[in-house]
Amino acid sequence: MKIKKIPMRSCVVTREKLPKQELIRVVRTPDGSVIVDVTGKANGRGAYLKKDLSVFEKAYSSKVLNKILEVDVPDSVFDELREICK
């Protein structure tokens, strides 16, 4: 029996390699808006964050998502991330 491969991704804040299920994807869509992608399949440039409130707060304070997605990330995205973590 063949062993199924687990997709691994890196958190942009902690730089940890984790299974895709333990991360949340934030996407800049082709039209320039920024969304939280719970499915992990939305079109656009994506960045992964570990599902942890302290990681979300660090991403907010360091503006790392602005650099990676090359656009200003609105506060509503961080509010949505905080709600998902609760």
PDB file of N, CA and C in Angstrom:
ATOM      1  N   MET A   1       0.835  -1.172   0.000  1.00  0.00           N
ATOM      2  CA  MET A   1       0.000   0.000   0.000  1.00  0.00           C
ATOM      3  C   MET A   1       0.886   1.244   0.000  1.00  0.00           C
ATOM      4  N   LYS A   2       0.526   2.219  -0.830  1.00  0.00           N
ATOM      5  CA  LYS A   2       1.316   3.429  -0.980  1.00  0.00           C
ATOM      6  C   LYS A   2       0.988   4.427   0.132  1.00  0.00           C
ATOM      7  N   ILE A   3       2.016   5.047   0.711  1.00  0.00           N
ATOM      8  CA  ILE A   3       1.828   6.051   1.755  1.00  0.00           C
ATOM      9  C   ILE A   3       1.501   7.380   1.094  1.00  0.00           C
ATOM     10  N   LYS A   4       0.415   8.033   1.584  1.00  0.00           N
ATOM     11  CA  LYS A   4      -0.011   9.300   1.010  1.00  0.00           C
ATOM     12  C   LYS A   4       0.907  10.430   1.491  1.00  0.00           C
ATOM     13  N   LYS A   5       1.311  11.286   0.556  1.00  0.00           N
ATOM     14  CA  LYS A   5       2.197  12.401   0.868  1.00  0.00           C
ATOM     15  C   LYS A   5       1.405  13.523   1.541  1.00  0.00           C
ATOM     16  N   ILE A   6       1.960  14.082   2.606  1.00  0.00           N
ATOM     17  CA  ILE A   6       1.329  15.189   3.322  1.00  0.00           C
ATOM     18  C   ILE A   6       1.935  16.492   2.803  1.00  0.00           C
ATOM     19  N   PRO A   7       1.111  17.391   2.223  1.00  0.00           N
ATOM     20  CA  PRO A   7       1.665  18.649   1.717  1.00  0.00           C
ATOM     21  C   PRO A   7       2.150  19.549   2.854  1.00  0.00           C
ATOM     22  N   MET A   8       3.380  20.033   2.744  1.00  0.00           N
ATOM     23  CA  MET A   8       3.981  20.897   3.753  1.00  0.00           C
ATOM     24  C   MET A   8       4.122  22.305   3.190  1.00  0.00           C
ATOM     25  N   ARG A   9       3.876  23.303   4.046  1.00  0.00           N
ATOM     26  CA  ARG A   9       4.012  24.700   3.663  1.00  0.00           C
ATOM     27  C   ARG A   9       4.744  25.438   4.785  1.00  0.00           C
ATOM     28  N   SER A  10       5.312  26.602   4.473  1.00  0.00           N
ATOM     29  CA  SER A  10       6.047  27.395   5.464  1.00  0.00           C
ATOM     30  C   SER A  10       5.209  28.576   5.931  1.00  0.00           C
ATOM     31  N   CYS A  11       5.198  28.796   7.223  1.00  0.00           N
ATOM     32  CA  CYS A  11       4.548  29.974   7.804  1.00  0.00           C
ATOM     33  C   CYS A  11       5.445  31.177   7.515  1.00  0.00           C
ATOM     34  N   VAL A  12       4.851  32.299   7.057  1.00  0.00           N
ATOM     35  CA  VAL A  12       5.649  33.468   6.699  1.00  0.00           C
ATOM     36  C   VAL A  12       6.178  34.211   7.927  1.00  0.00           C
ATOM     37  N   VAL A  13       5.598  33.964   9.096  1.00  0.00           N
ATOM     38  CA  VAL A  13       6.041  34.640  10.318  1.00  0.00           C
ATOM     39  C   VAL A  13       7.081  33.810  11.051  1.00  0.00           C
ATOM     40  N   THR A  14       6.756  32.546  11.345  1.00  0.00           N
ATOM     41  CA  THR A  14       7.655  31.707  12.150  1.00  0.00           C
ATOM     42  C   THR A  14       8.672  30.943  11.313  1.00  0.00           C
ATOM     43  N   ARG A  15       8.440  30.856  10.005  1.00  0.00           N
ATOM     44  CA  ARG A  15       9.300  30.099   9.069  1.00  0.00           C
ATOM     45  C   ARG A  15       9.295  28.597   9.347  1.00  0.00           C
ATOM     46  N   GLU A  16       8.305  28.110  10.099  1.00  0.00           N
ATOM     47  CA  GLU A  16       8.187  26.679  10.373  1.00  0.00           C
ATOM     48  C   GLU A  16       7.560  25.978   9.174  1.00  0.00           C
ATOM     49  N   LYS A  17       8.023  24.773   8.880  1.00  0.00           N
ATOM     50  CA  LYS A  17       7.375  23.925   7.874  1.00  0.00           C
ATOM     51  C   LYS A  17       6.337  23.081   8.590  1.00  0.00           C
ATOM     52  N   LEU A  18       5.079  23.249   8.192  1.00  0.00           N
ATOM     53  CA  LEU A  18       3.973  22.549   8.839  1.00  0.00           C
ATOM     54  C   LEU A  18       3.066  21.932   7.791  1.00  0.00           C
ATOM     55  N   PRO A  19       2.283  20.913   8.180  1.00  0.00           N
ATOM     56  CA  PRO A  19       1.277  20.388   7.244  1.00  0.00           C
ATOM     57  C   PRO A  19       0.283  21.483   6.866  1.00  0.00           C
ATOM     58  N   LYS A  20      -0.180  21.440   5.643  1.00  0.00           N
ATOM     59  CA  LYS A  20      -1.074  22.467   5.103  1.00  0.00           C
ATOM     60  C   LYS A  20      -2.332  22.667   5.962  1.00  0.00           C
ATOM     61  N   GLN A  21      -2.816  21.610   6.621  1.00  0.00           N
ATOM     62  CA  GLN A  21      -4.035  21.694   7.428  1.00  0.00           C
ATOM     63  C   GLN A  21      -3.841  22.546   8.682  1.00  0.00           C
ATOM     64  N   GLU A  22      -2.610  22.730   9.126  1.00  0.00           N
ATOM     65  CA  GLU A  22      -2.332  23.499  10.340  1.00  0.00           C
ATOM     66  C   GLU A  22      -2.097  24.977  10.056  1.00  0.00           C
ATOM     67  N   LEU A  23      -2.280  25.388   8.798  1.00  0.00           N
ATOM     68  CA  LEU A  23      -2.020  26.757   8.392  1.00  0.00           C
ATOM     69  C   LEU A  23      -3.269  27.389   7.780  1.00  0.00           C
ATOM     70  N   ILE A  24      -3.290  28.721   7.771  1.00  0.00           N
ATOM     71  CA  ILE A  24      -4.353  29.488   7.111  1.00  0.00           C
ATOM     72  C   ILE A  24      -3.710  30.251   5.963  1.00  0.00           C
ATOM     73  N   ARG A  25      -4.381  30.301   4.825  1.00  0.00           N
ATOM     74  CA  ARG A  25      -3.842  30.987   3.658  1.00  0.00           C
ATOM     75  C   ARG A  25      -4.536  32.339   3.486  1.00  0.00           C
ATOM     76  N   VAL A  26      -3.735  33.373   3.291  1.00  0.00           N
ATOM     77  CA  VAL A  26      -4.234  34.706   2.975  1.00  0.00           C
ATOM     78  C   VAL A  26      -3.830  34.985   1.534  1.00  0.00           C
ATOM     79  N   VAL A  27      -4.787  35.439   0.705  1.00  0.00           N
ATOM     80  CA  VAL A  27      -4.569  35.537  -0.734  1.00  0.00           C
ATOM     81  C   VAL A  27      -4.828  36.945  -1.242  1.00  0.00           C
ATOM     82  N   ARG A  28      -3.931  37.424  -2.115  1.00  0.00           N
ATOM     83  CA  ARG A  28      -4.214  38.623  -2.905  1.00  0.00           C
ATOM     84  C   ARG A  28      -4.768  38.130  -4.231  1.00  0.00           C
ATOM     85  N   THR A  29      -6.036  38.407  -4.477  1.00  0.00           N
ATOM     86  CA  THR A  29      -6.699  37.930  -5.684  1.00  0.00           C
ATOM     87  C   THR A  29      -6.203  38.708  -6.904  1.00  0.00           C
ATOM     88  N   PRO A  30      -6.452  38.194  -8.117  1.00  0.00           N
ATOM     89  CA  PRO A  30      -6.005  38.906  -9.321  1.00  0.00           C
ATOM     90  C   PRO A  30      -6.558  40.329  -9.445  1.00  0.00           C
ATOM     91  N   ASP A  31      -7.719  40.599  -8.832  1.00  0.00           N
ATOM     92  CA  ASP A  31      -8.260  41.963  -8.900  1.00  0.00           C
ATOM     93  C   ASP A  31      -7.686  42.882  -7.819  1.00  0.00           C
ATOM     94  N   GLY A  32      -6.806  42.378  -6.956  1.00  0.00           N
ATOM     95  CA  GLY A  32      -6.105  43.200  -5.983  1.00  0.00           C
ATOM     96  C   GLY A  32      -6.668  43.188  -4.577  1.00  0.00           C
ATOM     97  N   SER A  33      -7.790  42.515  -4.350  1.00  0.00           N
ATOM     98  CA  SER A  33      -8.340  42.455  -2.997  1.00  0.00           C
ATOM     99  C   SER A  33      -7.645  41.345  -2.203  1.00  0.00           C
ATOM    100  N   VAL A  34      -7.710  41.453  -0.882  1.00  0.00           N
ATOM    101  CA  VAL A  34      -7.061  40.470  -0.003  1.00  0.00           C
ATOM    102  C   VAL A  34      -8.152  39.723   0.759  1.00  0.00           C
ATOM    103  N   ILE A  35      -8.098  38.381   0.717  1.00  0.00           N
ATOM    104  CA  ILE A  35      -9.095  37.555   1.392  1.00  0.00           C
ATOM    105  C   ILE A  35      -8.410  36.461   2.204  1.00  0.00           C
ATOM    106  N   VAL A  36      -9.152  35.928   3.170  1.00  0.00           N
ATOM    107  CA  VAL A  36      -8.703  34.756   3.921  1.00  0.00           C
ATOM    108  C   VAL A  36      -9.264  33.545   3.184  1.00  0.00           C
ATOM    109  N   ASP A  37      -8.393  32.644   2.781  1.00  0.00           N
ATOM    110  CA  ASP A  37      -8.785  31.483   1.981  1.00  0.00           C
ATOM    111  C   ASP A  37      -8.809  30.239   2.861  1.00  0.00           C
ATOM    112  N   VAL A  38      -9.997  29.865   3.329  1.00  0.00           N
ATOM    113  CA  VAL A  38     -10.102  28.688   4.189  1.00  0.00           C
ATOM    114  C   VAL A  38      -9.991  27.396   3.395  1.00  0.00           C
ATOM    115  N   THR A  39     -10.344  27.417   2.117  1.00  0.00           N
ATOM    116  CA  THR A  39     -10.267  26.209   1.295  1.00  0.00           C
ATOM    117  C   THR A  39      -8.841  25.908   0.854  1.00  0.00           C
ATOM    118  N   GLY A  40      -8.007  26.939   0.759  1.00  0.00           N
ATOM    119  CA  GLY A  40      -6.631  26.747   0.311  1.00  0.00           C
ATOM    120  C   GLY A  40      -6.495  26.620  -1.183  1.00  0.00           C
ATOM    121  N   LYS A  41      -7.554  26.979  -1.933  1.00  0.00           N
ATOM    122  CA  LYS A  41      -7.535  26.794  -3.380  1.00  0.00           C
ATOM    123  C   LYS A  41      -7.884  28.047  -4.171  1.00  0.00           C
ATOM    124  N   ALA A  42      -7.989  29.188  -3.514  1.00  0.00           N
ATOM    125  CA  ALA A  42      -8.369  30.418  -4.211  1.00  0.00           C
ATOM    126  C   ALA A  42      -7.251  30.863  -5.153  1.00  0.00           C
ATOM    127  N   ASN A  43      -7.638  31.511  -6.236  1.00  0.00           N
ATOM    128  CA  ASN A  43      -6.690  32.029  -7.213  1.00  0.00           C
ATOM    129  C   ASN A  43      -5.955  33.234  -6.653  1.00  0.00           C
ATOM    130  N   GLY A  44      -4.667  33.347  -6.919  1.00  0.00           N
ATOM    131  CA  GLY A  44      -3.905  34.524  -6.538  1.00  0.00           C
ATOM    132  C   GLY A  44      -2.650  34.192  -5.776  1.00  0.00           C
ATOM    133  N   ARG A  45      -1.968  35.252  -5.365  1.00  0.00           N
ATOM    134  CA  ARG A  45      -0.715  35.116  -4.609  1.00  0.00           C
ATOM    135  C   ARG A  45      -1.062  34.864  -3.147  1.00  0.00           C
ATOM    136  N   GLY A  46      -0.522  33.798  -2.587  1.00  0.00           N
ATOM    137  CA  GLY A  46      -0.886  33.408  -1.232  1.00  0.00           C
ATOM    138  C   GLY A  46       0.276  33.424  -0.261  1.00  0.00           C
ATOM    139  N   ALA A  47      -0.084  33.548   1.022  1.00  0.00           N
ATOM    140  CA  ALA A  47       0.878  33.472   2.110  1.00  0.00           C
ATOM    141  C   ALA A  47       0.236  32.667   3.223  1.00  0.00           C
ATOM    142  N   TYR A  48       1.008  31.786   3.843  1.00  0.00           N
ATOM    143  CA  TYR A  48       0.486  30.914   4.893  1.00  0.00           C
ATOM    144  C   TYR A  48       0.870  31.428   6.272  1.00  0.00           C
ATOM    145  N   LEU A  49      -0.097  31.334   7.202  1.00  0.00           N
ATOM    146  CA  LEU A  49       0.125  31.694   8.596  1.00  0.00           C
ATOM    147  C   LEU A  49      -0.293  30.530   9.477  1.00  0.00           C
ATOM    148  N   LYS A  50       0.490  30.271  10.512  1.00  0.00           N
ATOM    149  CA  LYS A  50       0.161  29.231  11.486  1.00  0.00           C
ATOM    150  C   LYS A  50      -1.123  29.621  12.217  1.00  0.00           C
ATOM    151  N   LYS A  51      -1.993  28.650  12.496  1.00  0.00           N
ATOM    152  CA  LYS A  51      -3.257  28.911  13.186  1.00  0.00           C
ATOM    153  C   LYS A  51      -3.004  29.162  14.666  1.00  0.00           C
ATOM    154  N   ASP A  52      -2.516  30.364  14.965  1.00  0.00           N
ATOM    155  CA  ASP A  52      -2.182  30.737  16.339  1.00  0.00           C
ATOM    156  C   ASP A  52      -2.364  32.242  16.470  1.00  0.00           C
ATOM    157  N   LEU A  53      -3.067  32.676  17.513  1.00  0.00           N
ATOM    158  CA  LEU A  53      -3.371  34.093  17.700  1.00  0.00           C
ATOM    159  C   LEU A  53      -2.105  34.935  17.814  1.00  0.00           C
ATOM    160  N   SER A  54      -1.075  34.431  18.489  1.00  0.00           N
ATOM    161  CA  SER A  54       0.164  35.201  18.636  1.00  0.00           C
ATOM    162  C   SER A  54       0.860  35.408  17.286  1.00  0.00           C
ATOM    163  N   VAL A  55       0.737  34.428  16.386  1.00  0.00           N
ATOM    164  CA  VAL A  55       1.321  34.553  15.050  1.00  0.00           C
ATOM    165  C   VAL A  55       0.567  35.622  14.255  1.00  0.00           C
ATOM    166  N   PHE A  56      -0.774  35.645  14.375  1.00  0.00           N
ATOM    167  CA  PHE A  56      -1.569  36.654  13.681  1.00  0.00           C
ATOM    168  C   PHE A  56      -1.213  38.053  14.172  1.00  0.00           C
ATOM    169  N   GLU A  57      -1.035  38.195  15.490  1.00  0.00           N
ATOM    170  CA  GLU A  57      -0.683  39.500  16.066  1.00  0.00           C
ATOM    171  C   GLU A  57       0.705  39.946  15.596  1.00  0.00           C
ATOM    172  N   LYS A  58       1.637  39.005  15.526  1.00  0.00           N
ATOM    173  CA  LYS A  58       2.988  39.330  15.065  1.00  0.00           C
ATOM    174  C   LYS A  58       2.973  39.731  13.585  1.00  0.00           C
ATOM    175  N   ALA A  59       2.151  39.050  12.787  1.00  0.00           N
ATOM    176  CA  ALA A  59       2.019  39.398  11.367  1.00  0.00           C
ATOM    177  C   ALA A  59       1.420  40.795  11.217  1.00  0.00           C
ATOM    178  N   TYR A  60       0.472  41.135  12.089  1.00  0.00           N
ATOM    179  CA  TYR A  60      -0.161  42.461  12.045  1.00  0.00           C
ATOM    180  C   TYR A  60       0.833  43.559  12.410  1.00  0.00           C
ATOM    181  N   SER A  61       1.592  43.344  13.473  1.00  0.00           N
ATOM    182  CA  SER A  61       2.522  44.379  13.938  1.00  0.00           C
ATOM    183  C   SER A  61       3.738  44.537  13.022  1.00  0.00           C
ATOM    184  N   SER A  62       4.200  43.454  12.423  1.00  0.00           N
ATOM    185  CA  SER A  62       5.395  43.523  11.572  1.00  0.00           C
ATOM    186  C   SER A  62       5.073  43.844  10.113  1.00  0.00           C
ATOM    187  N   LYS A  63       3.786  43.829   9.753  1.00  0.00           N
ATOM    188  CA  LYS A  63       3.338  44.118   8.374  1.00  0.00           C
ATOM    189  C   LYS A  63       3.969  43.170   7.353  1.00  0.00           C
ATOM    190  N   VAL A  64       4.240  41.933   7.763  1.00  0.00           N
ATOM    191  CA  VAL A  64       4.885  40.951   6.879  1.00  0.00           C
ATOM    192  C   VAL A  64       3.980  40.594   5.694  1.00  0.00           C
ATOM    193  N   LEU A  65       2.661  40.564   5.900  1.00  0.00           N
ATOM    194  CA  LEU A  65       1.751  40.240   4.794  1.00  0.00           C
ATOM    195  C   LEU A  65       1.756  41.333   3.727  1.00  0.00           C
ATOM    196  N   ASN A  66       1.923  42.595   4.148  1.00  0.00           N
ATOM    197  CA  ASN A  66       2.010  43.690   3.177  1.00  0.00           C
ATOM    198  C   ASN A  66       3.200  43.488   2.248  1.00  0.00           C
ATOM    199  N   LYS A  67       4.317  43.040   2.801  1.00  0.00           N
ATOM    200  CA  LYS A  67       5.531  42.837   2.008  1.00  0.00           C
ATOM    201  C   LYS A  67       5.378  41.652   1.058  1.00  0.00           C
ATOM    202  N   ILE A  68       4.832  40.556   1.573  1.00  0.00           N
ATOM    203  CA  ILE A  68       4.746  39.343   0.766  1.00  0.00           C
ATOM    204  C   ILE A  68       3.676  39.448  -0.318  1.00  0.00           C
ATOM    205  N   LEU A  69       2.514  40.003   0.041  1.00  0.00           N
ATOM    206  CA  LEU A  69       1.415  40.111  -0.931  1.00  0.00           C
ATOM    207  C   LEU A  69       1.531  41.363  -1.797  1.00  0.00           C
ATOM    208  N   GLU A  70       2.483  42.238  -1.479  1.00  0.00           N
ATOM    209  CA  GLU A  70       2.761  43.451  -2.246  1.00  0.00           C
ATOM    210  C   GLU A  70       1.544  44.361  -2.369  1.00  0.00           C
ATOM    211  N   VAL A  71       0.756  44.456  -1.277  1.00  0.00           N
ATOM    212  CA  VAL A  71      -0.426  45.307  -1.224  1.00  0.00           C
ATOM    213  C   VAL A  71      -0.722  45.595   0.245  1.00  0.00           C
ATOM    214  N   ASP A  72      -1.410  46.713   0.532  1.00  0.00           N
ATOM    215  CA  ASP A  72      -1.793  47.005   1.913  1.00  0.00           C
ATOM    216  C   ASP A  72      -2.928  46.085   2.335  1.00  0.00           C
ATOM    217  N   VAL A  73      -2.687  45.301   3.371  1.00  0.00           N
ATOM    218  CA  VAL A  73      -3.691  44.358   3.868  1.00  0.00           C
ATOM    219  C   VAL A  73      -4.609  45.106   4.832  1.00  0.00           C
ATOM    220  N   PRO A  74      -5.932  45.113   4.570  1.00  0.00           N
ATOM    221  CA  PRO A  74      -6.851  45.833   5.465  1.00  0.00           C
ATOM    222  C   PRO A  74      -6.983  45.150   6.825  1.00  0.00           C
ATOM    223  N   ASP A  75      -7.337  45.950   7.839  1.00  0.00           N
ATOM    224  CA  ASP A  75      -7.498  45.425   9.201  1.00  0.00           C
ATOM    225  C   ASP A  75      -8.607  44.388   9.280  1.00  0.00           C
ATOM    226  N   SER A  76      -9.587  44.451   8.379  1.00  0.00           N
ATOM    227  CA  SER A  76     -10.698  43.491   8.396  1.00  0.00           C
ATOM    228  C   SER A  76     -10.203  42.059   8.178  1.00  0.00           C
ATOM    229  N   VAL A  77      -9.117  41.894   7.429  1.00  0.00           N
ATOM    230  CA  VAL A  77      -8.538  40.564   7.207  1.00  0.00           C
ATOM    231  C   VAL A  77      -7.988  40.016   8.524  1.00  0.00           C
ATOM    232  N   PHE A  78      -7.317  40.868   9.302  1.00  0.00           N
ATOM    233  CA  PHE A  78      -6.777  40.428  10.588  1.00  0.00           C
ATOM    234  C   PHE A  78      -7.893  40.144  11.586  1.00  0.00           C
ATOM    235  N   ASP A  79      -8.978  40.921  11.509  1.00  0.00           N
ATOM    236  CA  ASP A  79     -10.151  40.646  12.365  1.00  0.00           C
ATOM    237  C   ASP A  79     -10.730  39.275  12.048  1.00  0.00           C
ATOM    238  N   GLU A  80     -10.799  38.950  10.756  1.00  0.00           N
ATOM    239  CA  GLU A  80     -11.318  37.648  10.325  1.00  0.00           C
ATOM    240  C   GLU A  80     -10.394  36.517  10.803  1.00  0.00           C
ATOM    241  N   LEU A  81      -9.087  36.744  10.734  1.00  0.00           N
ATOM    242  CA  LEU A  81      -8.127  35.743  11.202  1.00  0.00           C
ATOM    243  C   LEU A  81      -8.286  35.497  12.699  1.00  0.00           C
ATOM    244  N   ARG A  82      -8.486  36.570  13.459  1.00  0.00           N
ATOM    245  CA  ARG A  82      -8.679  36.430  14.912  1.00  0.00           C
ATOM    246  C   ARG A  82      -9.935  35.632  15.221  1.00  0.00           C
ATOM    247  N   GLU A  83     -11.011  35.849  14.440  1.00  0.00           N
ATOM    248  CA  GLU A  83     -12.253  35.110  14.638  1.00  0.00           C
ATOM    249  C   GLU A  83     -12.081  33.629  14.335  1.00  0.00           C
ATOM    250  N   ILE A  84     -11.304  33.304  13.321  1.00  0.00           N
ATOM    251  CA  ILE A  84     -11.059  31.901  12.958  1.00  0.00           C
ATOM    252  C   ILE A  84     -10.298  31.193  14.069  1.00  0.00           C
ATOM    253  N   CYS A  85      -9.381  31.912  14.704  1.00  0.00           N
ATOM    254  CA  CYS A  85      -8.544  31.304  15.741  1.00  0.00           C
ATOM    255  C   CYS A  85      -9.314  31.008  17.037  1.00  0.00           C
ATOM    256  N   LYS A  86     -10.410  31.707  17.266  1.00  0.00           N
ATOM    257  CA  LYS A  86     -11.155  31.538  18.514  1.00  0.00           C
ATOM    258  C   LYS A  86     -11.922  30.252  18.574  1.00  0.00           C
TER     259      LYS A  86
END
